[in-house]
């Protein structure tokens, strides 16, 4: 099997307090050969002055990883079936709430992919739905979580 790594770094500013919870949640995620992503806690979880609204938060990354995994499998399965995709976009959304154990969690993620196929190489509606089902079945990120995942797919009819 494979191993996947991410380096997470945070450092307290010398003038910042810590034990009173009044410290910055800004940090960095470092991947591969140095790709650095600014990260921070969501402003819905901590006061706005302790975070960075332009940075990626763990909740967004969680939703994005599910959407990305689904998309990559969908593209592969569609290509294997002979369909040509010109564009794929998803406005995935995750809902935070209490899980069955009463703990705060992302309890539901809804994928909302919009797929534009090449006009002469596109599936019918039933096959389109099947492609998404098969992509979900192959997505190992989806296999790794307890979150309920819904797929509301749309075949883009524009050319």
N, C-alpha and C. Protein backbone atom coordinates (compact mmCIF):
# COMPACT_ATOMS: atom_id res chain seq x y z
N UNK A 1 0.85 -1.18 0.00
CA UNK A 1 0.00 0.00 0.00
C UNK A 1 0.89 1.24 0.00
N UNK A 2 0.29 2.39 0.08
CA UNK A 2 1.06 3.63 0.01
C UNK A 2 0.95 4.43 1.31
N UNK A 3 1.89 5.34 1.48
CA UNK A 3 1.91 6.21 2.64
C UNK A 3 1.77 7.65 2.15
N UNK A 4 0.96 8.43 2.83
CA UNK A 4 0.74 9.83 2.44
C UNK A 4 1.06 10.71 3.63
N UNK A 5 1.80 11.78 3.37
CA UNK A 5 2.27 12.62 4.46
C UNK A 5 1.87 14.07 4.26
N UNK A 6 1.68 14.75 5.35
CA UNK A 6 1.47 16.19 5.36
C UNK A 6 2.20 16.73 6.58
N UNK A 7 2.93 17.79 6.39
CA UNK A 7 3.61 18.44 7.51
C UNK A 7 2.77 19.65 7.91
N UNK A 8 2.47 19.76 9.18
CA UNK A 8 1.68 20.86 9.71
C UNK A 8 2.57 21.66 10.66
N UNK A 9 2.69 22.97 10.43
CA UNK A 9 3.52 23.80 11.31
C UNK A 9 2.73 24.99 11.84
N UNK A 10 2.97 25.30 13.10
CA UNK A 10 2.37 26.45 13.77
C UNK A 10 3.41 26.98 14.74
N UNK A 11 3.45 28.28 14.91
CA UNK A 11 4.35 28.86 15.89
C UNK A 11 3.68 30.03 16.58
N UNK A 12 3.79 30.07 17.88
CA UNK A 12 3.21 31.16 18.66
C UNK A 12 4.06 32.41 18.48
N UNK A 13 3.38 33.53 18.29
CA UNK A 13 4.08 34.81 18.26
C UNK A 13 4.52 35.11 19.69
N UNK A 14 5.74 35.60 19.85
CA UNK A 14 6.30 35.77 21.20
C UNK A 14 5.45 36.64 22.10
N UNK A 15 4.77 37.62 21.53
CA UNK A 15 3.94 38.51 22.37
C UNK A 15 2.55 37.93 22.65
N UNK A 16 2.20 36.86 22.00
CA UNK A 16 0.85 36.30 22.14
C UNK A 16 0.73 35.45 23.40
N UNK A 17 -0.41 35.55 24.00
CA UNK A 17 -0.72 34.70 25.15
C UNK A 17 -1.04 33.30 24.62
N UNK A 18 -1.13 32.35 25.50
CA UNK A 18 -1.47 31.00 25.05
C UNK A 18 -2.52 30.35 25.94
N UNK A 19 -2.26 30.30 27.23
CA UNK A 19 -3.14 29.55 28.14
C UNK A 19 -4.55 30.13 28.24
N UNK A 20 -4.73 31.38 27.81
CA UNK A 20 -6.08 31.97 27.82
C UNK A 20 -6.82 31.75 26.50
N UNK A 21 -6.25 30.91 25.63
CA UNK A 21 -6.84 30.58 24.32
C UNK A 21 -6.81 31.75 23.34
N UNK A 22 -6.04 32.79 23.63
CA UNK A 22 -6.00 33.97 22.78
C UNK A 22 -4.77 33.94 21.87
N UNK A 23 -4.61 32.88 21.13
CA UNK A 23 -3.48 32.73 20.21
C UNK A 23 -4.01 32.51 18.80
N UNK A 24 -3.19 32.84 17.83
CA UNK A 24 -3.57 32.70 16.43
C UNK A 24 -3.69 31.22 16.04
N UNK A 25 -4.69 30.93 15.26
CA UNK A 25 -4.87 29.56 14.73
C UNK A 25 -4.29 29.42 13.33
N UNK A 26 -3.62 30.47 12.85
CA UNK A 26 -2.99 30.41 11.52
C UNK A 26 -1.81 29.44 11.56
N UNK A 27 -1.72 28.63 10.53
CA UNK A 27 -0.62 27.68 10.43
C UNK A 27 -0.40 27.32 8.96
N UNK A 28 0.48 26.38 8.70
CA UNK A 28 0.77 25.98 7.33
C UNK A 28 0.67 24.47 7.17
N UNK A 29 0.21 24.08 6.00
CA UNK A 29 0.26 22.67 5.60
C UNK A 29 1.30 22.59 4.50
N UNK A 30 2.22 21.67 4.64
CA UNK A 30 3.29 21.53 3.66
C UNK A 30 3.22 20.12 3.08
N UNK A 31 3.13 20.05 1.76
CA UNK A 31 2.97 18.77 1.07
C UNK A 31 4.11 18.54 0.10
N UNK A 32 4.30 17.29 -0.25
CA UNK A 32 5.24 16.87 -1.29
C UNK A 32 6.58 17.56 -1.16
N UNK A 33 6.99 18.19 -2.21
CA UNK A 33 8.31 18.83 -2.24
C UNK A 33 8.23 20.30 -1.88
N UNK A 34 7.34 20.67 -0.97
CA UNK A 34 7.32 22.04 -0.50
C UNK A 34 6.08 22.85 -0.82
N UNK A 35 5.07 22.26 -1.45
CA UNK A 35 3.83 22.99 -1.67
C UNK A 35 3.28 23.40 -0.31
N UNK A 36 3.15 24.70 -0.10
CA UNK A 36 2.71 25.22 1.19
C UNK A 36 1.33 25.85 1.04
N UNK A 37 0.43 25.44 1.91
CA UNK A 37 -0.94 25.95 1.90
C UNK A 37 -1.20 26.67 3.21
N UNK A 38 -1.60 27.95 3.16
CA UNK A 38 -1.97 28.64 4.39
C UNK A 38 -3.24 28.02 4.96
N UNK A 39 -3.23 27.73 6.23
CA UNK A 39 -4.37 27.08 6.88
C UNK A 39 -4.69 27.80 8.18
N UNK A 40 -5.90 27.62 8.65
CA UNK A 40 -6.34 28.23 9.91
C UNK A 40 -7.63 27.57 10.34
N UNK A 41 -8.00 27.81 11.57
CA UNK A 41 -9.30 27.34 12.05
C UNK A 41 -10.40 28.13 11.36
N UNK A 42 -11.55 27.53 11.23
CA UNK A 42 -12.71 28.21 10.67
C UNK A 42 -13.16 29.32 11.60
N UNK A 43 -13.57 30.44 11.03
CA UNK A 43 -14.10 31.55 11.84
C UNK A 43 -15.41 31.17 12.52
N UNK A 44 -15.99 30.04 12.13
CA UNK A 44 -17.20 29.56 12.80
C UNK A 44 -16.86 28.78 14.07
N UNK A 45 -15.57 28.51 14.27
CA UNK A 45 -15.13 27.72 15.42
C UNK A 45 -14.41 28.57 16.45
N UNK A 46 -13.66 29.56 15.99
CA UNK A 46 -12.91 30.45 16.89
C UNK A 46 -13.22 31.90 16.52
N UNK A 47 -12.95 32.85 17.41
CA UNK A 47 -13.17 34.26 17.07
C UNK A 47 -12.38 34.66 15.82
N UNK A 48 -12.98 35.53 15.02
CA UNK A 48 -12.41 35.91 13.73
C UNK A 48 -11.00 36.48 13.84
N UNK A 49 -10.69 37.22 14.90
CA UNK A 49 -9.36 37.83 15.03
C UNK A 49 -8.26 36.79 15.29
N UNK A 50 -8.63 35.56 15.57
CA UNK A 50 -7.64 34.50 15.82
C UNK A 50 -7.40 33.61 14.61
N UNK A 51 -8.03 33.93 13.49
CA UNK A 51 -7.92 33.07 12.32
C UNK A 51 -7.68 33.91 11.07
N UNK A 52 -7.73 33.29 9.92
CA UNK A 52 -7.53 33.96 8.64
C UNK A 52 -8.58 33.44 7.68
N UNK A 53 -9.53 34.28 7.33
CA UNK A 53 -10.61 33.88 6.44
C UNK A 53 -10.17 33.49 5.04
N UNK A 54 -8.94 33.86 4.66
CA UNK A 54 -8.43 33.52 3.33
C UNK A 54 -7.67 32.19 3.33
N UNK A 55 -7.44 31.64 4.49
CA UNK A 55 -6.71 30.37 4.60
C UNK A 55 -7.69 29.20 4.55
N UNK A 56 -7.17 28.06 4.21
CA UNK A 56 -7.97 26.84 4.15
C UNK A 56 -8.17 26.30 5.56
N UNK A 57 -9.41 25.94 5.89
CA UNK A 57 -9.63 25.35 7.21
C UNK A 57 -9.82 23.84 7.07
N UNK A 58 -9.63 23.08 8.14
CA UNK A 58 -9.71 21.62 8.06
C UNK A 58 -11.06 21.12 7.55
N UNK A 59 -12.14 21.83 7.88
CA UNK A 59 -13.45 21.40 7.42
C UNK A 59 -13.56 21.51 5.90
N UNK A 60 -13.07 22.62 5.34
CA UNK A 60 -13.08 22.80 3.89
C UNK A 60 -12.20 21.75 3.21
N UNK A 61 -11.06 21.47 3.79
CA UNK A 61 -10.15 20.48 3.21
C UNK A 61 -10.78 19.09 3.22
N UNK A 62 -11.51 18.77 4.27
CA UNK A 62 -12.20 17.49 4.37
C UNK A 62 -13.21 17.35 3.23
N UNK A 63 -14.03 18.38 3.04
CA UNK A 63 -15.03 18.37 1.98
C UNK A 63 -14.34 18.28 0.62
N UNK A 64 -13.29 19.08 0.43
CA UNK A 64 -12.58 19.09 -0.85
C UNK A 64 -11.94 17.74 -1.15
N UNK A 65 -11.41 17.06 -0.14
CA UNK A 65 -10.77 15.76 -0.39
C UNK A 65 -11.80 14.73 -0.85
N UNK A 66 -13.00 14.75 -0.28
CA UNK A 66 -14.06 13.84 -0.73
C UNK A 66 -14.47 14.16 -2.16
N UNK A 67 -14.66 15.46 -2.45
CA UNK A 67 -15.08 15.87 -3.80
C UNK A 67 -14.00 15.55 -4.83
N UNK A 68 -12.76 15.78 -4.48
CA UNK A 68 -11.65 15.52 -5.39
C UNK A 68 -11.50 14.04 -5.69
N UNK A 69 -11.57 13.21 -4.67
CA UNK A 69 -11.46 11.76 -4.86
C UNK A 69 -12.59 11.26 -5.76
N UNK A 70 -13.81 11.72 -5.49
CA UNK A 70 -14.96 11.32 -6.32
C UNK A 70 -14.73 11.74 -7.77
N UNK A 71 -14.30 12.98 -7.99
CA UNK A 71 -14.07 13.48 -9.34
C UNK A 71 -13.02 12.65 -10.08
N UNK A 72 -11.91 12.37 -9.41
CA UNK A 72 -10.84 11.62 -10.08
C UNK A 72 -11.30 10.23 -10.49
N UNK A 73 -12.08 9.56 -9.62
CA UNK A 73 -12.62 8.25 -10.00
C UNK A 73 -13.66 8.38 -11.11
N UNK A 74 -14.50 9.41 -11.05
CA UNK A 74 -15.51 9.61 -12.09
C UNK A 74 -14.84 9.80 -13.45
N UNK A 75 -13.81 10.66 -13.51
CA UNK A 75 -13.10 10.89 -14.77
C UNK A 75 -12.51 9.59 -15.31
N UNK A 76 -11.90 8.81 -14.45
CA UNK A 76 -11.28 7.55 -14.87
C UNK A 76 -12.31 6.55 -15.39
N UNK A 77 -13.40 6.40 -14.66
CA UNK A 77 -14.44 5.44 -15.04
C UNK A 77 -15.11 5.88 -16.34
N UNK A 78 -15.38 7.18 -16.48
CA UNK A 78 -15.99 7.70 -17.70
C UNK A 78 -15.07 7.49 -18.90
N UNK A 79 -13.78 7.76 -18.72
CA UNK A 79 -12.82 7.55 -19.82
C UNK A 79 -12.77 6.09 -20.23
N UNK A 80 -12.73 5.19 -19.24
CA UNK A 80 -12.72 3.75 -19.54
C UNK A 80 -13.96 3.33 -20.32
N UNK A 81 -15.09 4.01 -20.07
CA UNK A 81 -16.34 3.68 -20.75
C UNK A 81 -16.46 4.37 -22.12
N UNK A 82 -15.48 5.17 -22.48
CA UNK A 82 -15.48 5.80 -23.80
C UNK A 82 -16.14 7.17 -23.86
N UNK A 83 -16.50 7.74 -22.71
CA UNK A 83 -17.12 9.06 -22.69
C UNK A 83 -16.03 10.12 -22.60
N UNK A 84 -16.25 11.25 -23.26
CA UNK A 84 -15.28 12.34 -23.25
C UNK A 84 -15.85 13.49 -22.43
N UNK A 85 -15.12 13.87 -21.39
CA UNK A 85 -15.54 14.96 -20.51
C UNK A 85 -14.72 16.20 -20.84
N UNK A 86 -15.42 17.31 -21.06
CA UNK A 86 -14.76 18.58 -21.34
C UNK A 86 -14.59 19.44 -20.09
N UNK A 87 -15.48 19.26 -19.13
CA UNK A 87 -15.42 20.09 -17.92
C UNK A 87 -16.12 19.37 -16.77
N UNK A 88 -15.55 19.51 -15.59
CA UNK A 88 -16.14 18.95 -14.37
C UNK A 88 -15.95 19.99 -13.28
N UNK A 89 -17.01 20.35 -12.60
CA UNK A 89 -16.88 21.24 -11.45
C UNK A 89 -17.82 20.75 -10.37
N UNK A 90 -17.49 21.05 -9.14
CA UNK A 90 -18.30 20.60 -8.01
C UNK A 90 -18.34 21.70 -6.97
N UNK A 91 -19.51 21.99 -6.48
CA UNK A 91 -19.66 22.93 -5.37
C UNK A 91 -20.10 22.12 -4.15
N UNK A 92 -19.18 21.31 -3.67
CA UNK A 92 -19.44 20.41 -2.56
C UNK A 92 -19.69 21.20 -1.28
N UNK A 93 -20.50 20.63 -0.41
CA UNK A 93 -20.87 21.31 0.83
C UNK A 93 -20.91 20.31 1.97
N UNK A 94 -20.31 20.69 3.09
CA UNK A 94 -20.34 19.85 4.28
C UNK A 94 -21.13 20.51 5.39
N UNK A 95 -21.88 19.72 6.13
CA UNK A 95 -22.68 20.23 7.24
C UNK A 95 -22.09 19.77 8.57
N UNK A 96 -21.87 20.72 9.45
CA UNK A 96 -21.37 20.41 10.79
C UNK A 96 -22.56 20.22 11.71
N UNK A 97 -22.48 19.23 12.56
CA UNK A 97 -23.55 18.97 13.52
C UNK A 97 -23.11 17.90 14.50
N UNK A 98 -24.01 17.47 15.33
CA UNK A 98 -23.71 16.40 16.29
C UNK A 98 -23.91 15.05 15.61
N UNK A 99 -22.95 14.15 15.80
CA UNK A 99 -23.08 12.80 15.26
C UNK A 99 -23.87 11.92 16.23
N UNK A 100 -23.96 10.64 15.92
CA UNK A 100 -24.74 9.71 16.75
C UNK A 100 -24.21 9.62 18.18
N UNK A 101 -22.91 9.89 18.35
CA UNK A 101 -22.31 9.85 19.69
C UNK A 101 -22.45 11.19 20.41
N UNK A 102 -23.11 12.16 19.77
CA UNK A 102 -23.29 13.47 20.38
C UNK A 102 -22.08 14.38 20.25
N UNK A 103 -21.12 14.01 19.39
CA UNK A 103 -19.91 14.80 19.21
C UNK A 103 -20.03 15.65 17.96
N UNK A 104 -19.40 16.83 18.00
CA UNK A 104 -19.40 17.71 16.85
C UNK A 104 -18.60 17.08 15.72
N UNK A 105 -19.20 17.02 14.53
CA UNK A 105 -18.56 16.38 13.38
C UNK A 105 -19.15 16.93 12.09
N UNK A 106 -18.47 16.72 11.00
CA UNK A 106 -19.10 16.96 9.71
C UNK A 106 -19.94 15.73 9.45
N UNK A 107 -21.24 15.90 9.57
CA UNK A 107 -22.15 14.76 9.54
C UNK A 107 -22.66 14.43 8.15
N UNK A 108 -22.58 15.40 7.24
CA UNK A 108 -23.09 15.16 5.89
C UNK A 108 -22.27 15.98 4.91
N UNK A 109 -21.92 15.35 3.80
CA UNK A 109 -21.27 16.06 2.70
C UNK A 109 -22.12 15.81 1.46
N UNK A 110 -22.46 16.89 0.78
CA UNK A 110 -23.21 16.77 -0.47
C UNK A 110 -22.30 17.19 -1.61
N UNK A 111 -22.06 16.27 -2.52
CA UNK A 111 -21.31 16.57 -3.73
C UNK A 111 -22.33 17.05 -4.76
N UNK A 112 -21.98 18.10 -5.49
CA UNK A 112 -22.88 18.66 -6.49
C UNK A 112 -22.14 18.85 -7.81
N UNK A 113 -21.64 17.74 -8.37
CA UNK A 113 -20.86 17.87 -9.59
C UNK A 113 -21.71 18.26 -10.79
N UNK A 114 -21.12 19.10 -11.62
CA UNK A 114 -21.70 19.45 -12.91
C UNK A 114 -20.69 19.00 -13.95
N UNK A 115 -21.14 18.17 -14.87
CA UNK A 115 -20.22 17.56 -15.83
C UNK A 115 -20.64 17.92 -17.25
N UNK A 116 -19.70 18.42 -18.03
CA UNK A 116 -19.95 18.72 -19.43
C UNK A 116 -19.20 17.70 -20.28
N UNK A 117 -19.96 16.93 -21.04
CA UNK A 117 -19.40 15.92 -21.92
C UNK A 117 -19.27 16.48 -23.33
N UNK A 118 -18.38 15.88 -24.10
CA UNK A 118 -18.32 16.18 -25.52
C UNK A 118 -19.64 15.72 -26.12
N UNK A 119 -20.22 16.52 -26.99
CA UNK A 119 -21.58 16.29 -27.49
C UNK A 119 -21.80 14.87 -28.03
N UNK A 120 -20.89 14.36 -28.80
CA UNK A 120 -21.08 13.02 -29.40
C UNK A 120 -20.57 11.88 -28.52
N UNK A 121 -20.14 12.20 -27.31
CA UNK A 121 -19.58 11.19 -26.40
C UNK A 121 -20.12 11.39 -24.99
N UNK A 122 -21.46 11.35 -24.84
CA UNK A 122 -22.02 11.53 -23.50
C UNK A 122 -23.03 10.43 -23.20
N UNK A 123 -23.16 10.08 -21.93
CA UNK A 123 -24.05 8.99 -21.53
C UNK A 123 -25.50 9.46 -21.40
N UNK A 124 -26.41 8.49 -21.37
CA UNK A 124 -27.80 8.83 -21.04
C UNK A 124 -27.88 9.05 -19.52
N UNK A 125 -29.03 9.50 -19.04
CA UNK A 125 -29.18 9.87 -17.62
C UNK A 125 -28.92 8.70 -16.68
N UNK A 126 -29.41 7.51 -17.03
CA UNK A 126 -29.22 6.33 -16.17
C UNK A 126 -27.74 5.96 -16.08
N UNK A 127 -27.05 6.00 -17.20
CA UNK A 127 -25.62 5.68 -17.21
C UNK A 127 -24.83 6.74 -16.45
N UNK A 128 -25.23 8.00 -16.60
CA UNK A 128 -24.59 9.10 -15.88
C UNK A 128 -24.67 8.86 -14.37
N UNK A 129 -25.84 8.49 -13.90
CA UNK A 129 -26.03 8.19 -12.48
C UNK A 129 -25.18 6.99 -12.07
N UNK A 130 -25.11 5.99 -12.92
CA UNK A 130 -24.31 4.79 -12.63
C UNK A 130 -22.82 5.13 -12.54
N UNK A 131 -22.35 6.02 -13.41
CA UNK A 131 -20.94 6.43 -13.36
C UNK A 131 -20.62 7.07 -12.01
N UNK A 132 -21.54 7.91 -11.54
CA UNK A 132 -21.32 8.54 -10.23
C UNK A 132 -21.38 7.51 -9.10
N UNK A 133 -22.28 6.58 -9.20
CA UNK A 133 -22.37 5.52 -8.18
C UNK A 133 -21.07 4.72 -8.14
N UNK A 134 -20.58 4.35 -9.30
CA UNK A 134 -19.33 3.57 -9.37
C UNK A 134 -18.15 4.38 -8.84
N UNK A 135 -18.12 5.68 -9.13
CA UNK A 135 -17.04 6.53 -8.62
C UNK A 135 -17.08 6.58 -7.10
N UNK A 136 -18.29 6.70 -6.55
CA UNK A 136 -18.42 6.72 -5.09
C UNK A 136 -17.97 5.40 -4.49
N UNK A 137 -18.30 4.31 -5.13
CA UNK A 137 -17.91 2.98 -4.64
C UNK A 137 -16.40 2.78 -4.66
N UNK A 138 -15.70 3.48 -5.55
CA UNK A 138 -14.25 3.32 -5.67
C UNK A 138 -13.46 4.33 -4.82
N UNK A 139 -14.11 5.37 -4.35
CA UNK A 139 -13.42 6.45 -3.63
C UNK A 139 -12.98 6.00 -2.24
N UNK A 140 -11.69 5.83 -2.06
CA UNK A 140 -11.16 5.34 -0.78
C UNK A 140 -11.24 6.40 0.30
N UNK A 141 -11.34 7.67 -0.06
CA UNK A 141 -11.54 8.70 0.97
C UNK A 141 -12.95 8.52 1.56
N UNK A 142 -13.94 8.29 0.71
CA UNK A 142 -15.30 8.04 1.19
C UNK A 142 -15.35 6.79 2.07
N UNK A 143 -14.56 5.78 1.72
CA UNK A 143 -14.52 4.55 2.53
C UNK A 143 -13.93 4.81 3.91
N UNK A 144 -13.17 5.88 4.04
CA UNK A 144 -12.41 6.15 5.26
C UNK A 144 -13.17 6.95 6.31
N UNK A 145 -14.37 7.40 6.00
CA UNK A 145 -15.10 8.28 6.92
C UNK A 145 -16.49 7.75 7.24
N UNK A 146 -17.04 8.24 8.36
CA UNK A 146 -18.40 7.86 8.76
C UNK A 146 -19.44 8.84 8.25
N UNK A 147 -19.01 9.94 7.69
CA UNK A 147 -19.91 10.99 7.21
C UNK A 147 -20.83 10.46 6.12
N UNK A 148 -22.08 10.86 6.17
CA UNK A 148 -23.02 10.53 5.09
C UNK A 148 -22.66 11.38 3.88
N UNK A 149 -22.56 10.75 2.72
CA UNK A 149 -22.19 11.46 1.50
C UNK A 149 -23.32 11.32 0.50
N UNK A 150 -23.83 12.45 0.02
CA UNK A 150 -24.89 12.47 -0.99
C UNK A 150 -24.30 13.02 -2.28
N UNK A 151 -24.85 12.59 -3.41
CA UNK A 151 -24.39 13.08 -4.71
C UNK A 151 -25.59 13.61 -5.47
N UNK A 152 -25.58 14.90 -5.75
CA UNK A 152 -26.61 15.54 -6.56
C UNK A 152 -25.94 16.01 -7.85
N UNK A 153 -25.80 15.10 -8.79
CA UNK A 153 -25.05 15.38 -10.02
C UNK A 153 -25.94 16.03 -11.07
N UNK A 154 -25.31 16.85 -11.89
CA UNK A 154 -25.99 17.54 -12.97
C UNK A 154 -25.17 17.40 -14.24
N UNK A 155 -25.80 16.92 -15.31
CA UNK A 155 -25.12 16.84 -16.59
C UNK A 155 -25.31 18.19 -17.28
N UNK A 156 -24.22 18.92 -17.47
CA UNK A 156 -24.25 20.23 -18.09
C UNK A 156 -24.63 20.07 -19.55
N UNK A 157 -25.73 20.64 -19.98
CA UNK A 157 -26.23 20.49 -21.35
C UNK A 157 -25.67 21.54 -22.30
N UNK A 158 -24.95 22.53 -21.78
CA UNK A 158 -24.40 23.55 -22.67
C UNK A 158 -23.20 23.00 -23.41
N UNK A 159 -22.89 23.61 -24.52
CA UNK A 159 -21.75 23.11 -25.31
C UNK A 159 -20.54 23.98 -25.17
